[in-house]
N, C-alpha and C. Protein backbone atom coordinates (compact mmCIF):
# COMPACT_ATOMS: atom_id res chain seq x y z
N UNK A 1 131.29 129.77 122.07
CA UNK A 1 130.92 130.44 123.55
C UNK A 1 130.33 131.58 122.39
N UNK A 2 130.78 132.07 121.27
CA UNK A 2 130.85 133.20 121.32
C UNK A 2 129.84 133.89 120.70
N UNK A 3 128.85 132.74 119.70
CA UNK A 3 128.47 132.50 119.16
C UNK A 3 126.98 132.23 120.27
N UNK A 4 127.30 131.82 121.60
CA UNK A 4 125.99 131.69 122.48
C UNK A 4 125.82 133.05 123.47
N UNK A 5 126.26 133.49 122.99
CA UNK A 5 125.57 135.49 123.13
C UNK A 5 124.83 135.96 121.99
N UNK A 6 124.25 134.99 120.89
CA UNK A 6 123.50 136.04 120.15
C UNK A 6 122.50 135.05 119.75
N UNK A 7 123.16 134.03 119.58
CA UNK A 7 121.36 132.66 119.47
C UNK A 7 121.01 132.90 120.57
N UNK A 8 119.51 133.33 120.42
CA UNK A 8 118.89 132.78 121.73
C UNK A 8 118.19 132.09 121.81
N UNK A 9 117.12 131.94 119.88
CA UNK A 9 115.84 130.72 119.94
C UNK A 9 116.51 130.23 119.97
N UNK A 10 115.53 129.30 120.66
CA UNK A 10 115.99 127.35 120.71
C UNK A 10 116.38 126.72 119.55
N UNK A 11 115.18 127.04 118.60
CA UNK A 11 116.03 126.46 116.87
C UNK A 11 117.28 126.61 117.04
N UNK A 12 118.16 128.37 117.52
CA UNK A 12 119.16 128.70 116.52
C UNK A 12 120.08 127.64 117.88
N UNK A 13 119.60 127.82 118.40
CA UNK A 13 120.18 127.13 120.42
C UNK A 13 120.61 125.53 119.79
N UNK A 14 119.64 124.32 118.82
CA UNK A 14 119.77 123.15 119.33
C UNK A 14 121.01 123.24 117.95
N UNK A 15 120.55 124.41 117.07
CA UNK A 15 121.92 124.21 116.22
C UNK A 15 123.92 124.48 116.18
N UNK A 16 123.14 125.74 117.06
CA UNK A 16 124.78 125.68 117.88
C UNK A 16 125.03 124.19 119.07
N UNK A 17 124.86 123.55 119.71
CA UNK A 17 124.54 121.96 120.18
C UNK A 17 125.12 121.00 119.12
N UNK A 18 124.39 121.53 117.60
CA UNK A 18 125.16 120.42 117.43
C UNK A 18 126.67 120.61 116.23
N UNK A 19 126.12 122.13 116.25
CA UNK A 19 127.68 121.79 116.09
C UNK A 19 129.24 121.88 116.64
N UNK A 20 128.57 122.15 117.94
CA UNK A 20 129.34 122.53 119.22
C UNK A 20 129.67 120.63 118.84
N UNK A 21 128.41 120.34 119.35
CA UNK A 21 129.40 118.63 119.29
C UNK A 21 130.46 118.23 118.21
N UNK A 22 130.21 118.68 117.12
CA UNK A 22 130.61 117.76 115.95
C UNK A 22 132.07 118.62 116.32
N UNK A 23 132.17 119.34 116.57
CA UNK A 23 133.33 120.15 116.82
C UNK A 23 134.10 120.29 118.05
N UNK A 24 133.85 119.45 118.75
CA UNK A 24 133.64 119.35 121.14
C UNK A 24 135.28 119.42 120.28
N UNK A 25 136.07 118.19 120.38
CA UNK A 25 137.27 117.21 120.53
C UNK A 25 139.03 118.53 120.51
N UNK A 26 138.11 119.01 119.36
CA UNK A 26 139.20 119.97 118.86
C UNK A 26 139.08 120.98 119.54
N UNK A 27 137.71 121.64 120.09
CA UNK A 27 137.76 122.90 120.63
C UNK A 27 138.32 122.89 122.47
N UNK A 28 137.73 121.24 123.01
CA UNK A 28 138.39 121.48 124.62
C UNK A 28 140.16 120.77 123.96
N UNK A 29 140.41 120.88 122.93
CA UNK A 29 142.31 121.11 122.71
C UNK A 29 142.86 122.67 122.32
N UNK A 30 141.65 122.93 122.11
CA UNK A 30 142.57 124.59 121.93
C UNK A 30 142.95 125.66 123.70
N UNK A 31 143.39 126.67 123.64
CA UNK A 31 144.31 126.60 124.07
C UNK A 31 143.13 127.67 125.23
N UNK A 32 142.49 127.85 124.13
CA UNK A 32 141.31 129.51 125.02
C UNK A 32 140.56 128.49 125.31
N UNK A 33 139.87 126.89 125.15
CA UNK A 33 139.09 126.37 126.09
C UNK A 33 139.74 125.75 127.87
N UNK A 34 141.02 125.58 127.13
CA UNK A 34 142.39 124.82 128.45
C UNK A 34 142.52 126.47 129.51
N UNK A 35 142.35 127.30 129.64
CA UNK A 35 141.89 128.24 130.44
C UNK A 35 141.21 128.60 130.72
N UNK A 36 140.01 128.67 130.13
CA UNK A 36 139.31 128.84 130.90
C UNK A 36 138.30 127.51 131.51
N UNK A 37 138.85 126.51 131.09
CA UNK A 37 138.61 125.34 132.66
C UNK A 37 139.24 124.95 133.29
N UNK A 38 141.31 125.96 133.32
CA UNK A 38 141.69 126.23 133.74
C UNK A 38 141.31 127.56 135.31
N UNK A 39 140.54 128.49 134.85
CA UNK A 39 140.00 129.45 135.54
C UNK A 39 139.16 128.45 136.47
N UNK A 40 138.41 127.68 136.43
CA UNK A 40 137.12 126.90 136.47
C UNK A 40 137.27 125.95 137.86
N UNK A 41 138.49 125.70 137.46
CA UNK A 41 139.62 124.78 138.74
C UNK A 41 139.77 125.51 139.45
N UNK A 42 140.38 126.44 138.91
CA UNK A 42 140.78 127.30 140.55
C UNK A 42 139.78 128.52 141.12
N UNK A 43 138.85 128.61 140.61
CA UNK A 43 137.43 128.82 141.34
C UNK A 43 136.50 127.67 142.12
N UNK A 44 136.85 127.07 141.66
CA UNK A 44 136.36 125.31 142.35
C UNK A 44 137.79 125.36 143.74
N UNK A 45 138.82 125.45 143.38
CA UNK A 45 139.72 124.67 144.59
C UNK A 45 139.50 126.14 146.07
N UNK A 46 139.46 127.71 145.29
CA UNK A 46 139.16 128.90 146.06
C UNK A 46 138.19 127.99 147.56
N UNK A 47 136.66 127.62 146.02
CA UNK A 47 135.61 127.99 146.91
C UNK A 47 135.57 126.66 147.79
N UNK A 48 136.00 125.27 147.82
CA UNK A 48 136.52 124.91 148.34
C UNK A 48 137.49 125.17 149.60
N UNK A 49 138.65 125.51 149.19
CA UNK A 49 139.09 126.35 150.38
C UNK A 49 138.60 126.98 151.57
N UNK A 50 137.52 127.67 151.19
CA UNK A 50 136.36 128.52 151.81
C UNK A 50 135.69 127.66 152.82
N UNK A 51 135.31 126.58 152.13
CA UNK A 51 134.20 126.25 153.12
C UNK A 51 135.44 125.34 153.95
N UNK A 52 136.23 124.90 153.21
CA UNK A 52 137.18 123.66 154.48
C UNK A 52 136.71 125.36 155.60
N UNK A 53 138.03 126.22 155.72
CA UNK A 53 138.45 127.31 156.55
C UNK A 53 137.14 127.81 157.87
N UNK A 54 135.83 127.80 156.65
CA UNK A 54 134.47 128.25 157.14
C UNK A 54 134.34 126.69 158.26
N UNK A 55 134.31 125.35 157.79
CA UNK A 55 133.51 124.09 158.69
C UNK A 55 135.00 124.14 159.82
N UNK A 56 136.08 124.61 159.40
CA UNK A 56 137.09 124.26 160.66
C UNK A 56 137.21 125.51 161.16
N UNK A 57 136.01 126.79 161.34
CA UNK A 57 135.87 127.58 161.87
C UNK A 57 135.61 127.43 163.25
N UNK A 58 134.03 126.53 162.44
CA UNK A 58 132.68 126.77 163.52
C UNK A 58 133.66 124.49 164.51
N UNK A 59 133.90 123.66 163.24
CA UNK A 59 134.53 122.83 164.35
C UNK A 59 135.61 122.50 164.58
N UNK A 60 136.63 123.60 164.53
CA UNK A 60 137.86 122.92 165.07
C UNK A 60 138.85 124.30 165.01
N UNK A 61 138.68 126.09 165.70
CA UNK A 61 138.22 126.85 165.43
C UNK A 61 140.36 127.28 165.86
N UNK A 62 141.18 125.63 166.05
CA UNK A 62 142.88 125.88 166.91
C UNK A 62 143.33 125.75 165.95
N UNK A 63 142.82 124.99 164.80
CA UNK A 63 143.23 123.89 163.71
C UNK A 63 143.18 124.53 162.28
N UNK A 64 142.47 125.92 162.54
CA UNK A 64 141.92 126.21 161.00
C UNK A 64 143.94 127.07 160.22
N UNK A 65 144.61 127.68 160.60
CA UNK A 65 145.94 127.62 160.59
C UNK A 65 146.66 126.39 160.03
N UNK A 66 146.26 125.80 160.84
CA UNK A 66 146.76 124.43 160.40
C UNK A 66 146.45 123.49 159.18
N UNK A 67 145.37 123.70 159.34
CA UNK A 67 144.30 123.37 158.13
C UNK A 67 144.84 124.61 156.55
N UNK A 68 144.35 125.27 156.63
CA UNK A 68 145.23 126.21 155.71
C UNK A 68 146.54 125.58 155.40
N UNK A 69 147.84 125.44 155.85
CA UNK A 69 149.04 125.62 155.20
C UNK A 69 149.22 124.43 155.06
N UNK A 70 147.84 122.51 155.58
CA UNK A 70 148.40 121.34 154.84
C UNK A 70 147.66 120.93 153.59
N UNK A 71 146.44 122.32 152.93
CA UNK A 71 146.17 121.82 151.71
C UNK A 71 146.28 122.94 151.45
N UNK A 72 146.40 124.27 151.24
CA UNK A 72 147.43 125.17 150.16
C UNK A 72 147.69 124.80 148.94
N UNK A 73 148.32 123.06 148.57
CA UNK A 73 148.65 122.81 147.76
C UNK A 73 148.25 121.57 146.92
N UNK A 74 147.37 121.57 147.21
CA UNK A 74 146.20 120.71 146.96
C UNK A 74 145.60 120.85 145.44
N UNK A 75 145.40 120.55 144.75
CA UNK A 75 144.89 121.38 143.41
C UNK A 75 143.88 119.84 142.69
N UNK A 76 143.66 119.13 143.06
CA UNK A 76 142.83 118.31 142.91
C UNK A 76 141.65 118.67 144.03
N UNK A 77 140.37 119.08 142.98
CA UNK A 77 139.44 119.35 143.78
C UNK A 77 138.51 117.95 144.22
N UNK A 78 138.72 117.23 144.12
CA UNK A 78 137.89 115.00 144.64
C UNK A 78 139.29 114.97 145.76
N UNK A 79 140.41 115.37 145.90
CA UNK A 79 141.11 114.80 147.11
C UNK A 79 140.14 116.52 148.02
N UNK A 80 140.54 117.61 147.48
CA UNK A 80 140.19 118.82 148.38
C UNK A 80 139.10 118.31 149.30
N UNK A 81 137.44 117.92 147.90
CA UNK A 81 136.44 117.61 148.74
C UNK A 81 136.41 116.34 149.99
N UNK A 82 136.86 115.91 149.84
CA UNK A 82 137.49 114.16 150.72
C UNK A 82 138.24 115.13 151.58
N UNK A 83 139.17 116.19 151.85
CA UNK A 83 139.53 116.88 153.22
C UNK A 83 137.98 116.95 153.76
N UNK A 84 137.49 118.08 153.45
CA UNK A 84 135.91 118.40 153.71
C UNK A 84 134.88 117.07 154.79
N UNK A 85 134.93 116.49 153.99
CA UNK A 85 134.23 114.69 153.88
C UNK A 85 134.62 114.17 155.57
N UNK A 86 136.51 113.87 155.08
CA UNK A 86 136.35 114.00 156.61
C UNK A 86 136.52 114.57 157.95
N UNK A 87 136.87 115.51 157.79
CA UNK A 87 136.65 116.43 158.81
C UNK A 87 135.34 116.61 159.46
N UNK A 88 134.83 116.94 158.50
CA UNK A 88 132.89 116.79 159.00
C UNK A 88 132.26 115.42 159.91
N UNK A 89 133.77 113.70 159.37
CA UNK A 89 133.28 113.09 160.05
C UNK A 89 133.85 113.07 161.74
N UNK A 90 135.04 113.58 161.63
CA UNK A 90 135.78 113.84 163.24
C UNK A 90 135.45 114.34 163.86
N UNK A 91 135.77 113.79 165.31
CA UNK A 91 134.17 114.49 166.28
C UNK A 91 134.98 114.92 167.35
N UNK A 92 136.62 114.53 167.54
CA UNK A 92 137.63 114.95 168.15
C UNK A 92 138.60 116.01 167.88
N UNK A 93 139.40 117.01 168.53
CA UNK A 93 140.32 118.41 167.88
C UNK A 93 141.29 117.06 167.18
N UNK A 94 141.70 116.46 168.99
CA UNK A 94 142.62 115.78 168.04
C UNK A 94 143.06 114.66 167.03
N UNK A 95 142.26 114.47 166.92
CA UNK A 95 141.80 113.58 165.42
C UNK A 95 141.45 114.69 163.97
N UNK A 96 141.47 115.54 164.16
CA UNK A 96 141.41 116.42 163.05
C UNK A 96 142.61 116.70 163.07
N UNK A 97 143.43 117.17 164.04
CA UNK A 97 144.63 117.19 164.39
C UNK A 97 145.38 116.42 163.19
N UNK A 98 145.23 114.90 164.34
CA UNK A 98 146.18 114.00 163.50
C UNK A 98 145.65 113.87 162.08
N UNK A 99 144.74 114.06 161.71
CA UNK A 99 144.95 113.66 160.71
C UNK A 99 144.91 114.81 159.42
N UNK A 100 145.46 116.25 159.96
CA UNK A 100 145.56 116.88 158.96
C UNK A 100 147.01 116.91 159.12
N UNK A 101 147.28 116.49 159.98
CA UNK A 101 149.60 116.35 159.82
C UNK A 101 149.74 115.00 158.66
N UNK A 102 148.88 113.73 159.66
CA UNK A 102 149.28 112.99 158.42
C UNK A 102 148.91 112.79 156.61
N UNK A 103 148.31 114.25 156.18
CA UNK A 103 148.23 114.12 155.01
C UNK A 103 148.62 113.34 154.07
N UNK A 104 148.77 112.92 153.17
CA UNK A 104 150.27 112.60 152.15
C UNK A 104 149.96 113.54 151.33
N UNK A 105 151.44 113.70 150.44
CA UNK A 105 152.44 113.51 150.25
C UNK A 105 151.85 114.51 148.60
N UNK A 106 150.67 112.98 148.12
CA UNK A 106 150.13 113.14 147.32
C UNK A 106 148.77 113.38 147.44
N UNK A 107 148.44 113.75 148.00
CA UNK A 107 147.01 113.91 148.94
C UNK A 107 147.39 115.40 147.90
N UNK A 108 148.81 115.47 148.37
CA UNK A 108 149.05 117.83 148.21
C UNK A 108 149.13 117.76 147.11
N UNK A 109 149.93 116.66 146.72
CA UNK A 109 150.77 117.42 144.85
C UNK A 109 149.75 117.51 144.22
N UNK A 110 148.21 116.24 144.38
CA UNK A 110 146.92 116.66 142.72
C UNK A 110 146.60 117.34 142.51
């Protein structure tokens, strides 16, 4: 990764890409790579939570606290995305409230 800051020419980048591909499995198992990956996941979760909050403020403002509470422990980006898509599809506040209240424990754990 540090080499990518130095190698700027196309030929250098191609060489670096080839080397990275050779050692990709080893690099992906390193603690540094895992920390960077985790940081990216956390940023993604924050962005999706903000998206959900904005959506709820626009469509169902009275449910914002409930939505935050019910989704605060979700750690899986795809699960949080599914919640957002579902909220987009729901039309009535009662439906949205029911959905939030019945979010499964499995969804919150992931």
